[in-house]
Amino acid sequence: MYKNNQGNDRFTDPMKQHKLLTSLKKTQFPWMYECSKCAPQEALRNLGRAFKNFYRGLKEGKKIGFPRFKSKGVNDSFRLYGTISFEGRQIQLPRIGKIRIKEKRKQYYKGRILSVTVRRRANRWFVSVAVEETIKDTKPIVGSAVGVDLGIKTLATLSDRTTFSNPRALRSRIKKLRKLSMSLSRKQKGSKNREKVKLRLARMHLRIFNVRQDTLHKLTTYLAKSHSKIVIEDLLVSGMMKNRRLARVIADVGFYEFRRQLEYKCGWYGSELVVVSRTFPSSKMCSCCGHRKKELSLSEREYECEQCGLVIDRDLNAALNLVAVSLPETLNACGEEVRHSKSSEICNAASMKQEPNIIPDSMSRNV
């Protein structure tokens, strides 16, 4: 179609395909009447959107992959719309009927339900509901600004000396994953034992994903609700992943997901997100006097200033530098840098090692 036609005729038309499919149901696919018509309609819409994105990528020079066939048993999902409602611990779906759900909530939504997406992960079914709701204008949060330095050993270090530990969701379960993967490779394809091990491996991957997401959601929600301004650094994650010794650990943290969640949660709760350029030397610069080091290796976990003698945790020093950048005035009349108030406090006690507060792994309580 793309080579033989011109204009919009080069692309697949979801409506024409759906009419063709409807005419073929009676003769070739009579079993499709047992399910809702919404599922194939939405699948055809997704197909048309995928082809348009692919051709748009070719035109703009972006790397957007060619649409691939969706295999049965891999990322199973479908979308429905129509008569959808909640009744107690049950959800009403078109043509499927009432299904018992796991969660216990008094009120599931406020507004009009548009559609639901049902998907299977590790042989467990999940339903996500798209709701149209009017959101009131959020009031700006009254609070202090905070700098956040992300790391591997410690997930996040704040400029107020609060730290959030890294759960290391993958590293703590890597031995079990290797054992299950080895067991799966030794099972005969098509056997029941292989399906059992495959399910156990899928649930282990789902567990790792849930632990990582739970930690990031708790951290980003706390930051967006408690501080008026959040300052982070624009990290080049793709470049950091090229280090073969740190690639797995960096991927286990989820730097991009942390920033993505902060961007929309700051809009929800009325806080401001400031992203500092990646060229800013937050780790190499002293948070007290502004002296910059030429080199700073990853093995140096404490920052020792050669000019003022400040000894401070490396991540805390970077967080203080980040929050100082967000201040409205960073230079005085003489052109000298005016550091953050907390930085001056640390500078007065340069000979003392600063110990940050440590938040438990669960992060279930307010800081």
Protein backbone atom coordinates (compact mmCIF):
# COMPACT_ATOMS: atom_id res chain seq x y z
CA MET A 1 0.00 0.00 0.00
CA TYR A 2 2.78 2.42 0.85
CA LYS A 3 4.64 1.84 -2.42
CA ASN A 4 1.67 1.60 -4.79
CA ASN A 5 -0.54 4.44 -3.47
CA GLN A 6 -0.23 8.13 -2.77
CA GLY A 7 -1.41 10.39 0.06
CA ASN A 8 -3.53 8.92 2.84
CA ASP A 9 -4.20 5.78 0.74
CA ARG A 10 -0.70 4.62 1.66
CA PHE A 11 -1.78 3.99 5.27
CA THR A 12 -4.08 1.38 6.74
CA ASP A 13 -7.61 2.61 7.50
CA PRO A 14 -8.99 1.11 10.75
CA MET A 15 -12.63 1.72 9.76
CA LYS A 16 -12.29 0.00 6.37
CA GLN A 17 -10.50 -2.93 7.99
CA HIS A 18 -13.22 -3.25 10.62
CA LYS A 19 -15.94 -3.35 7.92
CA LEU A 20 -13.99 -6.05 6.10
CA LEU A 21 -13.59 -8.02 9.32
CA THR A 22 -17.32 -7.74 10.05
CA SER A 23 -18.13 -9.23 6.65
CA LEU A 24 -15.76 -12.14 7.29
CA LYS A 25 -17.08 -12.98 10.77
CA LYS A 26 -20.10 -14.95 9.61
CA THR A 27 -18.18 -17.28 7.32
CA GLN A 28 -14.60 -17.51 8.62
CA PHE A 29 -14.60 -16.30 12.24
CA PRO A 30 -17.98 -17.11 13.85
CA TRP A 31 -16.33 -17.44 17.29
CA MET A 32 -15.70 -13.66 17.32
CA TYR A 33 -19.37 -13.04 18.13
CA GLU A 34 -18.73 -14.48 21.59
CA CYS A 35 -16.54 -11.52 22.56
CA SER A 36 -17.06 -7.77 22.44
CA LYS A 37 -16.61 -5.93 19.15
CA CYS A 38 -14.51 -3.32 20.99
CA ALA A 39 -11.43 -5.53 21.25
CA PRO A 40 -10.79 -5.94 17.47
CA GLN A 41 -11.79 -2.32 16.82
CA GLU A 42 -9.22 -0.99 19.27
CA ALA A 43 -6.61 -3.43 17.94
CA LEU A 44 -7.11 -2.08 14.40
CA ARG A 45 -6.88 1.49 15.69
CA ASN A 46 -3.60 0.63 17.41
CA LEU A 47 -2.34 -0.91 14.18
CA GLY A 48 -3.14 2.21 12.17
CA ARG A 49 -1.49 4.42 14.78
CA ALA A 50 1.61 2.21 14.79
CA PHE A 51 2.04 2.48 11.02
CA LYS A 52 1.60 6.25 11.07
CA ASN A 53 4.21 6.56 13.81
CA PHE A 54 6.59 4.38 11.80
CA TYR A 55 6.25 6.47 8.62
CA ARG A 56 6.47 9.69 10.62
CA GLY A 57 9.74 8.39 12.09
CA LEU A 58 11.11 7.72 8.61
CA LYS A 59 10.21 11.24 7.53
CA GLU A 60 11.68 12.95 10.61
CA GLY A 61 14.71 10.67 10.90
CA LYS A 62 13.65 9.10 14.21
CA LYS A 63 14.18 5.45 15.10
CA ILE A 64 10.63 4.10 15.38
CA GLY A 65 10.41 0.36 14.78
CA PHE A 66 8.22 -1.31 12.19
CA PRO A 67 4.97 -2.67 13.71
CA ARG A 68 5.32 -6.27 14.83
CA PHE A 69 2.74 -9.02 15.16
CA LYS A 70 1.38 -9.52 18.66
CA SER A 71 2.05 -13.09 19.74
CA LYS A 72 -0.46 -14.94 21.84
CA GLY A 73 0.73 -15.37 25.41
CA VAL A 74 3.11 -12.38 25.28
CA ASN A 75 1.80 -9.09 26.70
CA ASP A 76 -1.82 -10.18 26.34
CA SER A 77 -4.15 -7.16 26.58
CA PHE A 78 -7.34 -5.73 25.10
CA ARG A 79 -9.35 -2.53 25.46
CA LEU A 80 -13.11 -2.25 25.99
CA TYR A 81 -15.60 0.60 26.15
CA GLY A 82 -19.33 0.83 26.66
CA THR A 83 -21.28 -0.22 29.76
CA ILE A 84 -18.64 -0.28 32.50
CA SER A 85 -19.43 0.12 36.18
CA PHE A 86 -18.34 -0.93 39.67
CA GLU A 87 -20.60 -2.72 42.10
CA GLY A 88 -18.96 -3.42 45.45
CA ARG A 89 -16.02 -5.70 44.76
CA GLN A 90 -17.11 -6.44 41.19
CA ILE A 91 -16.57 -4.72 37.86
CA GLN A 92 -19.05 -4.92 34.99
CA LEU A 93 -17.38 -5.38 31.58
CA PRO A 94 -19.11 -5.53 28.16
CA ARG A 95 -20.03 -9.08 27.05
CA ILE A 96 -17.88 -10.52 29.85
CA GLY A 97 -20.15 -9.62 32.74
CA LYS A 98 -19.33 -9.11 36.39
CA ILE A 99 -15.86 -10.08 37.61
CA ARG A 100 -14.68 -10.09 41.19
CA ILE A 101 -11.73 -7.80 41.84
CA LYS A 102 -9.06 -7.95 44.51
CA GLU A 103 -8.99 -4.38 45.80
CA LYS A 104 -11.22 -3.04 48.55
CA ARG A 105 -12.16 0.60 48.05
CA LYS A 106 -15.20 2.64 48.94
CA GLN A 107 -15.05 4.79 45.80
CA TYR A 108 -13.10 3.80 42.74
CA TYR A 109 -13.44 6.91 40.62
CA LYS A 110 -14.92 10.38 40.28
CA GLY A 111 -16.19 11.20 36.83
CA ARG A 112 -17.20 9.35 33.66
CA ILE A 113 -15.54 6.08 32.67
CA LEU A 114 -14.25 6.18 29.11
CA SER A 115 -12.67 2.76 28.65
CA VAL A 116 -10.86 -0.07 30.40
CA THR A 117 -7.72 -1.94 29.43
CA VAL A 118 -7.39 -5.55 30.57
CA ARG A 119 -3.95 -7.13 30.49
CA ARG A 120 -2.24 -10.26 31.77
CA ARG A 121 1.11 -10.25 33.50
CA ALA A 122 2.60 -13.45 34.92
CA ASN A 123 -0.80 -15.16 34.49
CA ARG A 124 -2.49 -12.50 36.63
CA TRP A 125 -5.10 -10.22 35.14
CA PHE A 126 -5.17 -6.46 35.74
CA VAL A 127 -7.70 -3.86 34.66
CA SER A 128 -6.92 -0.15 34.33
CA VAL A 129 -9.77 2.34 34.00
CA ALA A 130 -9.58 5.57 31.98
CA VAL A 131 -11.79 8.20 33.62
CA GLU A 132 -12.67 11.70 32.45
CA GLU A 133 -12.55 13.95 35.49
CA THR A 134 -12.42 17.68 36.12
CA ILE A 135 -9.38 18.53 38.24
CA LYS A 136 -9.39 21.70 40.28
CA ASP A 137 -6.55 24.18 40.03
CA THR A 138 -3.80 23.19 42.42
CA LYS A 139 -2.47 25.68 44.96
CA PRO A 140 1.30 26.14 45.14
CA ILE A 141 2.90 24.25 48.01
CA VAL A 142 4.34 26.41 50.76
CA GLY A 143 7.68 24.88 51.66
CA SER A 144 11.39 24.95 51.12
CA ALA A 145 13.34 24.07 47.99
CA VAL A 146 15.27 20.83 47.98
CA GLY A 147 18.04 19.43 45.83
CA VAL A 148 17.97 15.73 44.96
CA ASP A 149 21.07 13.80 43.97
CA LEU A 150 20.42 10.32 42.60
CA GLY A 151 22.91 7.55 43.12
CA ILE A 152 23.52 3.82 43.07
CA LYS A 153 24.51 3.05 46.65
CA THR A 154 21.91 5.49 47.99
CA LEU A 155 18.84 5.98 45.85
CA ALA A 156 18.42 9.69 46.63
CA THR A 157 20.21 12.18 48.85
CA LEU A 158 18.36 15.41 49.65
CA SER A 159 19.91 18.76 50.48
CA ASP A 160 18.30 18.61 53.95
CA ARG A 161 20.54 15.56 54.67
CA THR A 162 17.71 13.06 54.25
CA THR A 163 18.63 9.89 52.38
CA PHE A 164 16.52 7.16 50.78
CA SER A 165 18.12 3.74 50.55
CA ASN A 166 18.18 1.78 47.31
CA PRO A 167 16.10 -1.42 47.53
CA ARG A 168 18.21 -3.05 44.78
CA ALA A 169 15.25 -5.00 43.49
CA LEU A 170 17.22 -6.85 40.82
CA ARG A 171 20.50 -7.36 42.63
CA SER A 172 18.86 -8.97 45.66
CA ARG A 173 17.10 -11.52 43.42
CA ILE A 174 19.66 -12.06 40.67
CA LYS A 175 20.67 -15.50 41.97
CA LYS A 176 17.08 -16.73 41.92
CA LEU A 177 16.61 -15.36 38.42
CA ARG A 178 19.69 -17.16 37.16
CA LYS A 179 18.59 -20.40 38.75
CA LEU A 180 15.11 -20.17 37.23
CA SER A 181 16.49 -19.20 33.82
CA MET A 182 18.85 -22.17 33.88
CA SER A 183 16.02 -24.47 34.90
CA LEU A 184 13.82 -23.11 32.08
CA SER A 185 16.50 -23.69 29.45
CA ARG A 186 16.78 -27.35 30.47
CA LYS A 187 13.07 -28.09 30.16
CA GLN A 188 11.67 -29.57 26.98
CA LYS A 189 9.71 -27.11 24.85
CA GLY A 190 5.98 -27.69 24.99
CA SER A 191 6.09 -29.63 28.28
CA LYS A 192 4.04 -28.77 31.35
CA ASN A 193 7.15 -28.52 33.52
CA ARG A 194 8.51 -25.84 31.20
CA GLU A 195 5.28 -23.83 31.54
CA LYS A 196 5.49 -24.06 35.34
CA VAL A 197 9.07 -22.76 35.44
CA LYS A 198 8.20 -20.10 32.87
CA LEU A 199 5.40 -18.84 35.11
CA ARG A 200 7.68 -18.77 38.16
CA LEU A 201 10.27 -16.77 36.21
CA ALA A 202 7.62 -14.32 34.99
CA ARG A 203 6.34 -13.76 38.51
CA MET A 204 9.87 -13.13 39.73
CA HIS A 205 10.34 -10.44 37.08
CA LEU A 206 6.97 -8.94 38.04
CA ARG A 207 8.02 -8.90 41.69
CA ILE A 208 11.21 -7.01 40.84
CA PHE A 209 9.23 -4.50 38.80
CA ASN A 210 6.71 -3.96 41.60
CA VAL A 211 9.40 -3.39 44.25
CA ARG A 212 11.16 -0.81 42.06
CA GLN A 213 7.93 0.99 41.16
CA ASP A 214 6.71 1.04 44.76
CA THR A 215 9.94 2.64 45.96
CA LEU A 216 9.96 5.29 43.24
CA HIS A 217 6.29 6.15 43.73
CA LYS A 218 6.72 6.66 47.47
CA LEU A 219 9.81 8.81 46.97
CA THR A 220 8.38 11.01 44.21
CA THR A 221 5.07 11.47 46.03
CA TYR A 222 6.87 12.56 49.19
CA LEU A 223 8.98 15.07 47.27
CA ALA A 224 6.08 16.52 45.29
CA LYS A 225 3.89 16.93 48.38
CA SER A 226 6.49 18.22 50.85
CA HIS A 227 8.58 20.74 48.89
CA SER A 228 7.69 23.77 46.81
CA LYS A 229 10.66 23.37 44.48
CA ILE A 230 12.53 20.19 43.56
CA VAL A 231 15.88 20.48 41.81
CA ILE A 232 17.34 17.50 39.96
CA GLU A 233 20.11 17.02 37.44
CA ASP A 234 19.60 16.20 33.78
CA LEU A 235 21.34 12.83 33.66
CA LEU A 236 22.51 11.24 30.42
CA VAL A 237 21.28 7.75 31.24
CA SER A 238 22.09 6.31 27.81
CA GLY A 239 25.71 7.37 28.22
CA MET A 240 25.90 6.00 31.75
CA MET A 241 24.55 2.65 30.53
CA LYS A 242 27.58 2.24 28.25
CA ASN A 243 29.70 1.45 31.29
CA ARG A 244 29.49 -2.33 31.35
CA ARG A 245 30.40 -2.48 35.03
CA LEU A 246 27.59 -0.18 36.13
CA ALA A 247 24.94 -0.73 33.44
CA ARG A 248 22.94 -3.33 35.37
CA VAL A 249 23.02 -1.36 38.62
CA ILE A 250 21.99 1.87 36.89
CA ALA A 251 19.12 0.15 35.11
CA ASP A 252 18.01 -1.33 38.43
CA VAL A 253 17.60 2.15 39.95
CA GLY A 254 15.33 3.61 37.27
CA PHE A 255 16.62 7.17 36.81
CA TYR A 256 14.30 7.95 33.90
CA GLU A 257 11.22 6.62 35.70
CA PHE A 258 12.08 8.81 38.70
CA ARG A 259 12.11 11.95 36.56
CA ARG A 260 8.98 10.92 34.63
CA GLN A 261 6.97 10.47 37.82
CA LEU A 262 8.22 13.75 39.26
CA GLU A 263 7.17 15.68 36.16
CA TYR A 264 3.48 14.80 36.37
CA LYS A 265 3.24 14.65 40.17
CA CYS A 266 4.60 18.17 40.53
CA GLY A 267 1.74 19.31 38.32
CA TRP A 268 -0.73 17.37 40.46
CA TYR A 269 0.31 18.74 43.83
CA GLY A 270 1.43 22.27 42.92
CA SER A 271 5.21 21.97 43.29
CA GLU A 272 7.86 23.08 40.80
CA LEU A 273 10.42 20.85 39.15
CA VAL A 274 13.74 22.40 38.10
CA VAL A 275 16.09 20.38 35.88
CA VAL A 276 19.71 21.57 35.98
CA SER A 277 21.89 21.15 32.91
CA ARG A 278 24.07 18.04 32.82
CA THR A 279 27.14 20.25 32.32
CA PHE A 280 26.76 21.70 35.82
CA PRO A 281 29.60 20.28 38.03
CA SER A 282 27.44 19.42 41.04
CA SER A 283 29.80 16.72 42.34
CA LYS A 284 33.11 18.45 41.63
CA MET A 285 32.21 21.83 43.15
CA CYS A 286 32.46 22.64 46.84
CA SER A 287 29.10 23.56 48.35
CA CYS A 288 30.81 25.96 50.78
CA CYS A 289 33.36 28.04 48.88
CA GLY A 290 32.61 27.10 45.26
CA HIS A 291 36.04 25.61 44.53
CA ARG A 292 35.98 23.12 41.66
CA LYS A 293 38.05 19.99 41.37
CA LYS A 294 39.47 18.98 38.02
CA GLU A 295 38.95 15.25 38.63
CA LEU A 296 36.75 13.26 41.01
CA SER A 297 36.70 9.49 40.75
CA LEU A 298 33.68 7.35 41.59
CA SER A 299 35.57 5.64 44.41
CA GLU A 300 35.81 8.92 46.35
CA ARG A 301 32.62 8.85 48.43
CA GLU A 302 33.59 11.93 50.47
CA TYR A 303 34.29 15.35 49.06
CA GLU A 304 37.40 16.99 50.49
CA CYS A 305 37.82 20.63 49.50
CA GLU A 306 41.42 21.65 48.90
CA GLN A 307 40.67 25.31 49.51
CA CYS A 308 38.45 25.54 52.60
CA GLY A 309 39.04 22.05 54.04
CA LEU A 310 35.40 20.96 53.92
CA VAL A 311 34.84 17.23 54.38
CA ILE A 312 31.33 16.18 53.40
CA ASP A 313 29.49 13.26 51.86
CA ARG A 314 29.81 13.35 48.08
CA ASP A 315 26.08 13.00 47.37
CA LEU A 316 25.10 15.54 50.00
CA ASN A 317 27.56 18.03 48.52
CA ALA A 318 25.99 17.56 45.08
CA ALA A 319 22.46 18.01 46.47
CA LEU A 320 23.48 21.27 48.17
CA ASN A 321 24.94 22.58 44.93
CA LEU A 322 21.75 21.71 43.07
CA VAL A 323 19.48 23.55 45.50
CA ALA A 324 21.82 26.57 45.42
CA VAL A 325 21.36 26.87 41.66
CA SER A 326 17.58 27.22 42.07
CA LEU A 327 17.87 30.24 44.39
CA PRO A 328 16.74 33.54 42.81
CA GLU A 329 20.07 35.25 43.57
CA THR A 330 23.37 33.39 43.54
CA LEU A 331 25.75 36.34 43.17
CA ASN A 332 26.26 39.32 45.43
CA ALA A 333 27.16 42.88 44.40
CA CYS A 334 30.86 42.04 44.24
CA GLY A 335 30.25 39.12 41.90
CA GLU A 336 30.97 36.49 44.56
CA GLU A 337 28.77 33.44 44.87
CA VAL A 338 26.20 33.39 47.65
CA ARG A 339 25.82 29.80 48.77
CA HIS A 340 22.80 28.16 50.34
CA SER A 341 22.25 28.79 54.05
CA LYS A 342 22.75 25.13 54.88
CA SER A 343 26.01 25.18 52.96
CA SER A 344 27.34 27.96 55.16
CA GLU A 345 26.41 25.97 58.25
CA ILE A 346 28.42 23.03 56.99
CA CYS A 347 31.30 25.31 56.07
CA ASN A 348 31.55 26.55 59.65
CA ALA A 349 31.95 22.96 60.80
CA ALA A 350 34.22 21.81 57.99
CA SER A 351 36.35 19.63 60.18
CA MET A 352 33.37 17.56 61.31
CA LYS A 353 32.01 14.73 59.18
CA GLN A 354 28.32 15.26 58.37
CA GLU A 355 26.14 12.20 58.88
CA PRO A 356 22.86 12.31 56.93
CA ASN A 357 19.58 10.98 58.27
CA ILE A 358 18.70 7.57 56.88
CA ILE A 359 15.14 6.67 55.92
CA PRO A 360 14.14 2.99 56.25
CA ASP A 361 13.70 0.89 53.12
CA SER A 362 9.94 0.73 53.47
CA MET A 363 9.53 4.53 53.49
CA SER A 364 6.02 3.95 54.78
CA ARG A 365 6.06 6.84 57.24
CA ASN A 366 6.40 10.57 56.71
CA VAL A 367 9.90 12.00 56.91
